[in-house]
Amino acid sequence: MRAKIESVASPYETIGVQLVAPALGAEIFGVDISKTLDDKTVAEIRAALLEHLVVFFRDQSLTPETLLAFARRFGEIARYPFVEGMDAHPDVVEVVKREDETLNFGGIWHSDTTYLQRPPMGSVLYAVEIPPLGGDTLLDQFDPRDQN
């Protein structure tokens, strides 16, 4: 006997949400986060973030200003304490790995700062160029057998 699948109405009216994986992550679509968003849309994005813990927006075109404007809709911006931000936008840290660099940028940086007394609620990351597959933040030379 087949189980009957109930149709459940989406709790979202201004955005679309599609699961990326069962345990973590959803893609949000139907919204341009470079634009000024109304309160209802921001509330729905926040609800999706709280439900899925990580959310993704594809095909966005952001400047440092629009990235910050979007992030500010979710709370106060916290500066990362160990890496300087951009000259014109000190709240924005560029995460760049150049061809000649042998270590990953993550060796000195991590997006969360949970060790702070008042950590931020999250991080807003904007990927400009990503590999077609992979993109692990571990060192290329990492071998788990070397760990004691």
N, C-alpha and C. Protein backbone atom coordinates (compact mmCIF):
# COMPACT_ATOMS: atom_id res chain seq x y z
N MET A 1 0.85 -1.17 0.00
CA MET A 1 0.00 0.00 0.00
C MET A 1 0.90 1.23 0.00
N ARG A 2 0.59 2.19 -0.83
CA ARG A 2 1.36 3.44 -0.89
C ARG A 2 0.81 4.44 0.13
N ALA A 3 1.73 5.14 0.76
CA ALA A 3 1.32 6.17 1.72
C ALA A 3 0.79 7.37 0.95
N LYS A 4 -0.23 7.96 1.47
CA LYS A 4 -0.79 9.16 0.85
C LYS A 4 0.10 10.35 1.19
N ILE A 5 0.51 11.10 0.19
CA ILE A 5 1.34 12.29 0.41
C ILE A 5 0.42 13.49 0.50
N GLU A 6 0.50 14.14 1.64
CA GLU A 6 -0.33 15.32 1.86
C GLU A 6 0.30 16.53 1.18
N SER A 7 -0.48 17.34 0.59
CA SER A 7 -0.01 18.59 0.00
C SER A 7 0.01 19.65 1.09
N VAL A 8 1.17 20.24 1.28
CA VAL A 8 1.31 21.26 2.32
C VAL A 8 1.58 22.59 1.64
N ALA A 9 0.85 23.60 2.03
CA ALA A 9 1.04 24.94 1.46
C ALA A 9 2.37 25.50 1.93
N SER A 10 3.06 26.19 1.05
CA SER A 10 4.32 26.82 1.41
C SER A 10 4.06 27.95 2.38
N PRO A 11 4.90 28.06 3.42
CA PRO A 11 4.72 29.17 4.36
C PRO A 11 5.23 30.50 3.79
N TYR A 12 5.81 30.46 2.60
CA TYR A 12 6.43 31.64 2.01
C TYR A 12 5.54 32.22 0.91
N GLU A 13 5.38 33.52 0.94
CA GLU A 13 4.58 34.21 -0.07
C GLU A 13 5.41 35.05 -1.02
N THR A 14 6.58 35.52 -0.56
CA THR A 14 7.37 36.45 -1.37
C THR A 14 8.65 35.83 -1.92
N ILE A 15 9.01 34.63 -1.44
CA ILE A 15 10.22 33.95 -1.90
C ILE A 15 9.89 32.49 -2.20
N GLY A 16 10.74 31.86 -2.99
CA GLY A 16 10.68 30.42 -3.19
C GLY A 16 11.82 29.79 -2.42
N VAL A 17 11.59 28.59 -1.89
CA VAL A 17 12.61 27.89 -1.11
C VAL A 17 12.67 26.44 -1.58
N GLN A 18 13.88 25.99 -1.92
CA GLN A 18 14.10 24.62 -2.36
C GLN A 18 15.21 24.00 -1.53
N LEU A 19 14.95 22.85 -0.91
CA LEU A 19 15.98 22.18 -0.12
C LEU A 19 17.18 21.85 -0.98
N VAL A 20 18.36 22.00 -0.41
CA VAL A 20 19.60 21.59 -1.05
C VAL A 20 19.99 20.21 -0.54
N ALA A 21 19.83 19.99 0.75
CA ALA A 21 20.11 18.70 1.39
C ALA A 21 19.14 18.55 2.56
N PRO A 22 18.80 17.33 2.93
CA PRO A 22 17.83 17.14 4.01
C PRO A 22 18.24 17.74 5.35
N ALA A 23 19.53 17.67 5.68
CA ALA A 23 19.95 18.11 7.01
C ALA A 23 20.34 19.58 7.08
N LEU A 24 20.72 20.17 5.95
CA LEU A 24 21.28 21.51 6.02
C LEU A 24 21.21 22.19 4.66
N GLY A 25 20.62 23.35 4.62
CA GLY A 25 20.72 24.18 3.45
C GLY A 25 19.50 24.20 2.54
N ALA A 26 19.20 25.40 2.06
CA ALA A 26 18.12 25.59 1.10
C ALA A 26 18.48 26.74 0.18
N GLU A 27 18.02 26.64 -1.06
CA GLU A 27 18.21 27.72 -2.01
C GLU A 27 16.97 28.60 -1.98
N ILE A 28 17.19 29.90 -1.92
CA ILE A 28 16.09 30.85 -1.98
C ILE A 28 16.11 31.47 -3.37
N PHE A 29 14.97 31.51 -4.00
CA PHE A 29 14.89 32.09 -5.33
C PHE A 29 13.69 33.03 -5.43
N GLY A 30 13.68 33.80 -6.50
CA GLY A 30 12.60 34.76 -6.70
C GLY A 30 12.82 36.08 -6.00
N VAL A 31 14.07 36.36 -5.60
CA VAL A 31 14.36 37.61 -4.91
C VAL A 31 15.73 38.11 -5.35
N ASP A 32 15.81 39.40 -5.56
CA ASP A 32 17.07 40.07 -5.91
C ASP A 32 17.54 40.79 -4.66
N ILE A 33 18.55 40.23 -3.99
CA ILE A 33 18.98 40.80 -2.71
C ILE A 33 19.79 42.08 -2.87
N SER A 34 20.06 42.49 -4.12
CA SER A 34 20.74 43.77 -4.31
C SER A 34 19.76 44.93 -4.24
N LYS A 35 18.47 44.62 -4.23
CA LYS A 35 17.43 45.65 -4.16
C LYS A 35 16.98 45.86 -2.72
N THR A 36 16.31 46.96 -2.47
CA THR A 36 15.73 47.21 -1.16
C THR A 36 14.56 46.24 -0.98
N LEU A 37 14.62 45.43 0.07
CA LEU A 37 13.60 44.41 0.31
C LEU A 37 12.59 44.90 1.34
N ASP A 38 11.34 44.54 1.13
CA ASP A 38 10.31 44.91 2.10
C ASP A 38 10.43 44.01 3.33
N ASP A 39 9.81 44.44 4.41
CA ASP A 39 9.93 43.74 5.69
C ASP A 39 9.43 42.30 5.61
N LYS A 40 8.37 42.04 4.87
CA LYS A 40 7.82 40.69 4.77
C LYS A 40 8.83 39.75 4.10
N THR A 41 9.48 40.21 3.04
CA THR A 41 10.47 39.39 2.35
C THR A 41 11.64 39.09 3.27
N VAL A 42 12.12 40.10 3.98
CA VAL A 42 13.22 39.90 4.93
C VAL A 42 12.80 38.91 6.02
N ALA A 43 11.59 39.02 6.51
CA ALA A 43 11.11 38.09 7.54
C ALA A 43 11.05 36.67 7.00
N GLU A 44 10.65 36.49 5.75
CA GLU A 44 10.60 35.16 5.17
C GLU A 44 12.00 34.59 4.94
N ILE A 45 12.94 35.44 4.53
CA ILE A 45 14.33 34.99 4.37
C ILE A 45 14.88 34.56 5.73
N ARG A 46 14.61 35.36 6.77
CA ARG A 46 15.06 35.02 8.13
C ARG A 46 14.43 33.69 8.57
N ALA A 47 13.15 33.49 8.31
CA ALA A 47 12.49 32.24 8.69
C ALA A 47 13.12 31.05 7.97
N ALA A 48 13.42 31.21 6.69
CA ALA A 48 14.06 30.13 5.93
C ALA A 48 15.46 29.85 6.48
N LEU A 49 16.20 30.90 6.83
CA LEU A 49 17.53 30.73 7.41
C LEU A 49 17.44 29.98 8.74
N LEU A 50 16.52 30.35 9.60
CA LEU A 50 16.37 29.68 10.88
C LEU A 50 15.94 28.23 10.71
N GLU A 51 15.12 27.96 9.72
CA GLU A 51 14.67 26.58 9.48
C GLU A 51 15.76 25.71 8.86
N HIS A 52 16.51 26.26 7.90
CA HIS A 52 17.46 25.46 7.10
C HIS A 52 18.93 25.69 7.46
N LEU A 53 19.21 26.68 8.32
CA LEU A 53 20.54 26.98 8.87
C LEU A 53 21.52 27.60 7.88
N VAL A 54 21.42 27.28 6.61
CA VAL A 54 22.24 27.87 5.56
C VAL A 54 21.31 28.12 4.38
N VAL A 55 21.39 29.32 3.81
CA VAL A 55 20.58 29.60 2.61
C VAL A 55 21.49 30.14 1.51
N PHE A 56 21.11 29.84 0.28
CA PHE A 56 21.87 30.24 -0.90
C PHE A 56 20.98 31.05 -1.82
N PHE A 57 21.55 32.05 -2.46
CA PHE A 57 20.88 32.85 -3.48
C PHE A 57 21.74 32.77 -4.73
N ARG A 58 21.23 32.24 -5.81
CA ARG A 58 22.01 32.14 -7.05
C ARG A 58 21.84 33.41 -7.89
N ASP A 59 22.83 33.61 -8.76
CA ASP A 59 22.76 34.63 -9.80
C ASP A 59 22.45 36.03 -9.25
N GLN A 60 23.16 36.40 -8.22
CA GLN A 60 23.03 37.74 -7.65
C GLN A 60 24.20 38.59 -8.12
N SER A 61 23.98 39.87 -8.27
CA SER A 61 25.04 40.80 -8.65
C SER A 61 25.12 41.86 -7.55
N LEU A 62 26.15 41.74 -6.71
CA LEU A 62 26.25 42.60 -5.54
C LEU A 62 27.50 43.46 -5.57
N THR A 63 27.39 44.63 -5.03
CA THR A 63 28.52 45.49 -4.75
C THR A 63 28.75 45.43 -3.24
N PRO A 64 29.88 45.92 -2.75
CA PRO A 64 30.03 45.95 -1.29
C PRO A 64 28.88 46.69 -0.61
N GLU A 65 28.39 47.75 -1.23
CA GLU A 65 27.30 48.52 -0.63
C GLU A 65 26.02 47.71 -0.55
N THR A 66 25.66 47.00 -1.63
CA THR A 66 24.41 46.23 -1.61
C THR A 66 24.54 45.00 -0.72
N LEU A 67 25.73 44.41 -0.64
CA LEU A 67 25.97 43.30 0.27
C LEU A 67 25.76 43.75 1.71
N LEU A 68 26.32 44.90 2.07
CA LEU A 68 26.16 45.42 3.42
C LEU A 68 24.72 45.82 3.72
N ALA A 69 24.05 46.41 2.75
CA ALA A 69 22.65 46.80 2.96
C ALA A 69 21.79 45.56 3.24
N PHE A 70 22.04 44.49 2.50
CA PHE A 70 21.31 43.24 2.73
C PHE A 70 21.63 42.70 4.13
N ALA A 71 22.90 42.62 4.48
CA ALA A 71 23.31 42.08 5.78
C ALA A 71 22.72 42.89 6.93
N ARG A 72 22.66 44.20 6.78
CA ARG A 72 22.13 45.07 7.85
C ARG A 72 20.66 44.81 8.14
N ARG A 73 19.93 44.23 7.20
CA ARG A 73 18.52 43.91 7.44
C ARG A 73 18.37 42.79 8.48
N PHE A 74 19.48 42.11 8.80
CA PHE A 74 19.43 41.01 9.74
C PHE A 74 20.09 41.32 11.07
N GLY A 75 20.68 42.51 11.17
CA GLY A 75 21.29 42.91 12.44
C GLY A 75 22.52 43.75 12.23
N GLU A 76 23.14 44.06 13.34
CA GLU A 76 24.34 44.88 13.36
C GLU A 76 25.50 44.13 12.70
N ILE A 77 26.30 44.83 11.91
CA ILE A 77 27.46 44.23 11.27
C ILE A 77 28.58 44.10 12.29
N ALA A 78 29.18 42.93 12.34
CA ALA A 78 30.32 42.69 13.25
C ALA A 78 31.58 42.58 12.41
N ARG A 79 32.59 43.31 12.76
CA ARG A 79 33.87 43.22 12.04
C ARG A 79 34.64 42.00 12.50
N TYR A 80 35.27 41.35 11.54
CA TYR A 80 36.11 40.21 11.85
C TYR A 80 37.38 40.73 12.51
N PRO A 81 37.74 40.22 13.70
CA PRO A 81 38.81 40.85 14.48
C PRO A 81 40.24 40.62 13.99
N PHE A 82 40.49 39.67 13.10
CA PHE A 82 41.87 39.33 12.76
C PHE A 82 42.28 39.64 11.32
N VAL A 83 41.35 40.08 10.49
CA VAL A 83 41.66 40.38 9.10
C VAL A 83 41.05 41.74 8.77
N GLU A 84 41.85 42.59 8.15
CA GLU A 84 41.35 43.92 7.76
C GLU A 84 40.35 43.81 6.62
N GLY A 85 39.34 44.65 6.67
CA GLY A 85 38.37 44.73 5.58
C GLY A 85 38.90 45.59 4.44
N MET A 86 38.09 45.78 3.45
CA MET A 86 38.45 46.61 2.30
C MET A 86 38.65 48.05 2.76
N ASP A 87 39.53 48.79 2.09
CA ASP A 87 39.78 50.18 2.48
C ASP A 87 38.50 51.00 2.51
N ALA A 88 37.73 50.94 1.45
CA ALA A 88 36.50 51.74 1.37
C ALA A 88 35.33 51.11 2.12
N HIS A 89 35.45 49.82 2.46
CA HIS A 89 34.37 49.10 3.15
C HIS A 89 34.98 48.19 4.21
N PRO A 90 35.36 48.73 5.35
CA PRO A 90 36.06 47.94 6.36
C PRO A 90 35.24 46.78 6.93
N ASP A 91 33.94 46.76 6.70
CA ASP A 91 33.10 45.66 7.17
C ASP A 91 33.08 44.50 6.18
N VAL A 92 33.70 44.66 5.03
CA VAL A 92 33.73 43.61 4.00
C VAL A 92 35.15 43.08 3.87
N VAL A 93 35.30 41.79 4.09
CA VAL A 93 36.61 41.13 3.97
C VAL A 93 36.62 40.35 2.66
N GLU A 94 37.60 40.64 1.83
CA GLU A 94 37.75 39.87 0.59
C GLU A 94 38.48 38.57 0.89
N VAL A 95 37.86 37.47 0.53
CA VAL A 95 38.47 36.16 0.69
C VAL A 95 38.97 35.75 -0.68
N VAL A 96 40.28 35.86 -0.87
CA VAL A 96 40.88 35.63 -2.18
C VAL A 96 42.07 34.69 -2.03
N LYS A 97 42.13 33.69 -2.88
CA LYS A 97 43.32 32.85 -2.94
C LYS A 97 43.94 33.05 -4.31
N ARG A 98 45.13 33.60 -4.29
CA ARG A 98 45.83 33.87 -5.54
C ARG A 98 46.56 32.61 -6.02
N GLU A 99 46.84 32.56 -7.31
CA GLU A 99 47.45 31.39 -7.94
C GLU A 99 48.76 30.97 -7.28
N ASP A 100 49.55 31.95 -6.85
CA ASP A 100 50.87 31.64 -6.29
C ASP A 100 50.82 31.26 -4.81
N GLU A 101 49.68 31.33 -4.18
CA GLU A 101 49.57 31.02 -2.76
C GLU A 101 49.43 29.52 -2.55
N THR A 102 50.15 28.99 -1.59
CA THR A 102 50.11 27.56 -1.33
C THR A 102 49.16 27.20 -0.20
N LEU A 103 48.86 28.14 0.67
CA LEU A 103 47.94 27.90 1.77
C LEU A 103 46.58 28.48 1.44
N ASN A 104 45.55 27.85 1.97
CA ASN A 104 44.22 28.40 1.77
C ASN A 104 44.01 29.64 2.62
N PHE A 105 43.11 30.50 2.19
CA PHE A 105 42.79 31.70 2.97
C PHE A 105 42.22 31.32 4.33
N GLY A 106 41.50 30.20 4.39
CA GLY A 106 40.90 29.74 5.64
C GLY A 106 41.89 29.39 6.71
N GLY A 107 43.19 29.31 6.36
CA GLY A 107 44.20 29.05 7.36
C GLY A 107 44.30 30.17 8.38
N ILE A 108 43.88 31.38 7.99
CA ILE A 108 43.92 32.52 8.91
C ILE A 108 42.54 33.14 9.14
N TRP A 109 41.52 32.62 8.48
CA TRP A 109 40.21 33.24 8.53
C TRP A 109 39.14 32.17 8.60
N HIS A 110 38.06 32.47 9.26
CA HIS A 110 36.89 31.61 9.25
C HIS A 110 35.68 32.50 9.38
N SER A 111 34.59 32.14 8.72
CA SER A 111 33.45 33.05 8.67
C SER A 111 32.72 33.19 10.00
N ASP A 112 32.81 32.19 10.86
CA ASP A 112 32.12 32.36 12.15
C ASP A 112 33.11 32.86 13.20
N THR A 113 32.56 33.49 14.17
CA THR A 113 33.36 33.98 15.30
C THR A 113 32.63 33.59 16.59
N THR A 114 32.33 32.30 16.70
CA THR A 114 31.54 31.82 17.83
C THR A 114 32.25 31.96 19.16
N TYR A 115 33.55 32.20 19.13
CA TYR A 115 34.32 32.37 20.37
C TYR A 115 34.11 33.75 20.99
N LEU A 116 33.52 34.70 20.26
CA LEU A 116 33.28 36.03 20.82
C LEU A 116 32.21 35.98 21.89
N GLN A 117 32.26 36.93 22.82
CA GLN A 117 31.25 36.98 23.88
C GLN A 117 29.86 37.20 23.28
N ARG A 118 29.78 38.03 22.25
CA ARG A 118 28.50 38.25 21.53
C ARG A 118 28.73 37.96 20.05
N PRO A 119 28.70 36.68 19.65
CA PRO A 119 28.96 36.37 18.25
C PRO A 119 27.80 36.83 17.36
N PRO A 120 28.08 37.12 16.10
CA PRO A 120 27.02 37.50 15.19
C PRO A 120 26.10 36.32 14.91
N MET A 121 24.90 36.61 14.43
CA MET A 121 23.94 35.53 14.15
C MET A 121 24.36 34.70 12.95
N GLY A 122 25.23 35.23 12.10
CA GLY A 122 25.65 34.48 10.92
C GLY A 122 26.63 35.27 10.10
N SER A 123 26.93 34.74 8.94
CA SER A 123 27.84 35.37 8.00
C SER A 123 27.14 35.48 6.65
N VAL A 124 27.45 36.53 5.92
CA VAL A 124 26.96 36.70 4.56
C VAL A 124 28.18 36.59 3.66
N LEU A 125 28.21 35.55 2.85
CA LEU A 125 29.32 35.31 1.94
C LEU A 125 28.82 35.49 0.51
N TYR A 126 29.63 36.13 -0.31
CA TYR A 126 29.28 36.37 -1.72
C TYR A 126 30.38 35.78 -2.58
N ALA A 127 30.08 34.70 -3.28
CA ALA A 127 31.07 34.02 -4.12
C ALA A 127 31.04 34.61 -5.52
N VAL A 128 32.17 35.13 -5.95
CA VAL A 128 32.28 35.71 -7.28
C VAL A 128 32.80 34.67 -8.26
N GLU A 129 33.80 33.91 -7.83
CA GLU A 129 34.37 32.86 -8.67
C GLU A 129 34.57 31.61 -7.83
N ILE A 130 33.95 30.54 -8.28
CA ILE A 130 34.05 29.28 -7.54
C ILE A 130 34.44 28.17 -8.51
N PRO A 131 35.07 27.11 -7.99
CA PRO A 131 35.42 26.00 -8.86
C PRO A 131 34.16 25.25 -9.29
N PRO A 132 34.21 24.57 -10.43
CA PRO A 132 33.03 23.84 -10.88
C PRO A 132 32.67 22.66 -9.99
N LEU A 133 33.66 22.15 -9.24
CA LEU A 133 33.45 21.02 -8.36
C LEU A 133 34.43 21.11 -7.21
N GLY A 134 34.02 20.73 -6.04
CA GLY A 134 34.93 20.72 -4.89
C GLY A 134 34.96 22.07 -4.22
N GLY A 135 36.17 22.60 -4.03
CA GLY A 135 36.32 23.86 -3.33
C GLY A 135 36.53 23.68 -1.86
N ASP A 136 37.00 22.49 -1.46
CA ASP A 136 37.26 22.25 -0.04
C ASP A 136 38.19 23.31 0.51
N THR A 137 38.03 23.62 1.78
CA THR A 137 38.89 24.61 2.41
C THR A 137 40.10 23.98 3.09
N LEU A 138 40.23 22.67 2.98
CA LEU A 138 41.40 22.01 3.54
C LEU A 138 42.60 22.24 2.63
N LEU A 139 43.77 22.13 3.19
CA LEU A 139 44.99 22.24 2.39
C LEU A 139 45.05 21.08 1.40
N ASP A 140 45.58 21.33 0.22
CA ASP A 140 45.73 20.27 -0.77
C ASP A 140 46.61 19.14 -0.26
N GLN A 141 47.58 19.46 0.61
CA GLN A 141 48.52 18.46 1.09
C GLN A 141 47.98 17.69 2.30
N PHE A 142 46.79 17.99 2.76
CA PHE A 142 46.26 17.37 3.97
C PHE A 142 46.10 15.87 3.79
N ASP A 143 46.62 15.09 4.72
CA ASP A 143 46.48 13.66 4.73
C ASP A 143 46.04 13.26 6.13
N PRO A 144 44.82 12.74 6.29
CA PRO A 144 44.30 12.42 7.63
C PRO A 144 45.16 11.40 8.37
N ARG A 145 45.97 10.62 7.66
CA ARG A 145 46.84 9.64 8.30
C ARG A 145 47.98 10.33 9.07
N ASP A 146 48.23 11.62 8.74
CA ASP A 146 49.29 12.36 9.43
C ASP A 146 48.85 12.86 10.80
N GLN A 147 47.57 12.75 11.11
CA GLN A 147 47.05 13.27 12.38
C GLN A 147 47.30 12.26 13.50
N ASN A 148 47.78 12.72 14.62
CA ASN A 148 48.03 11.83 15.77
C ASN A 148 46.94 11.98 16.79
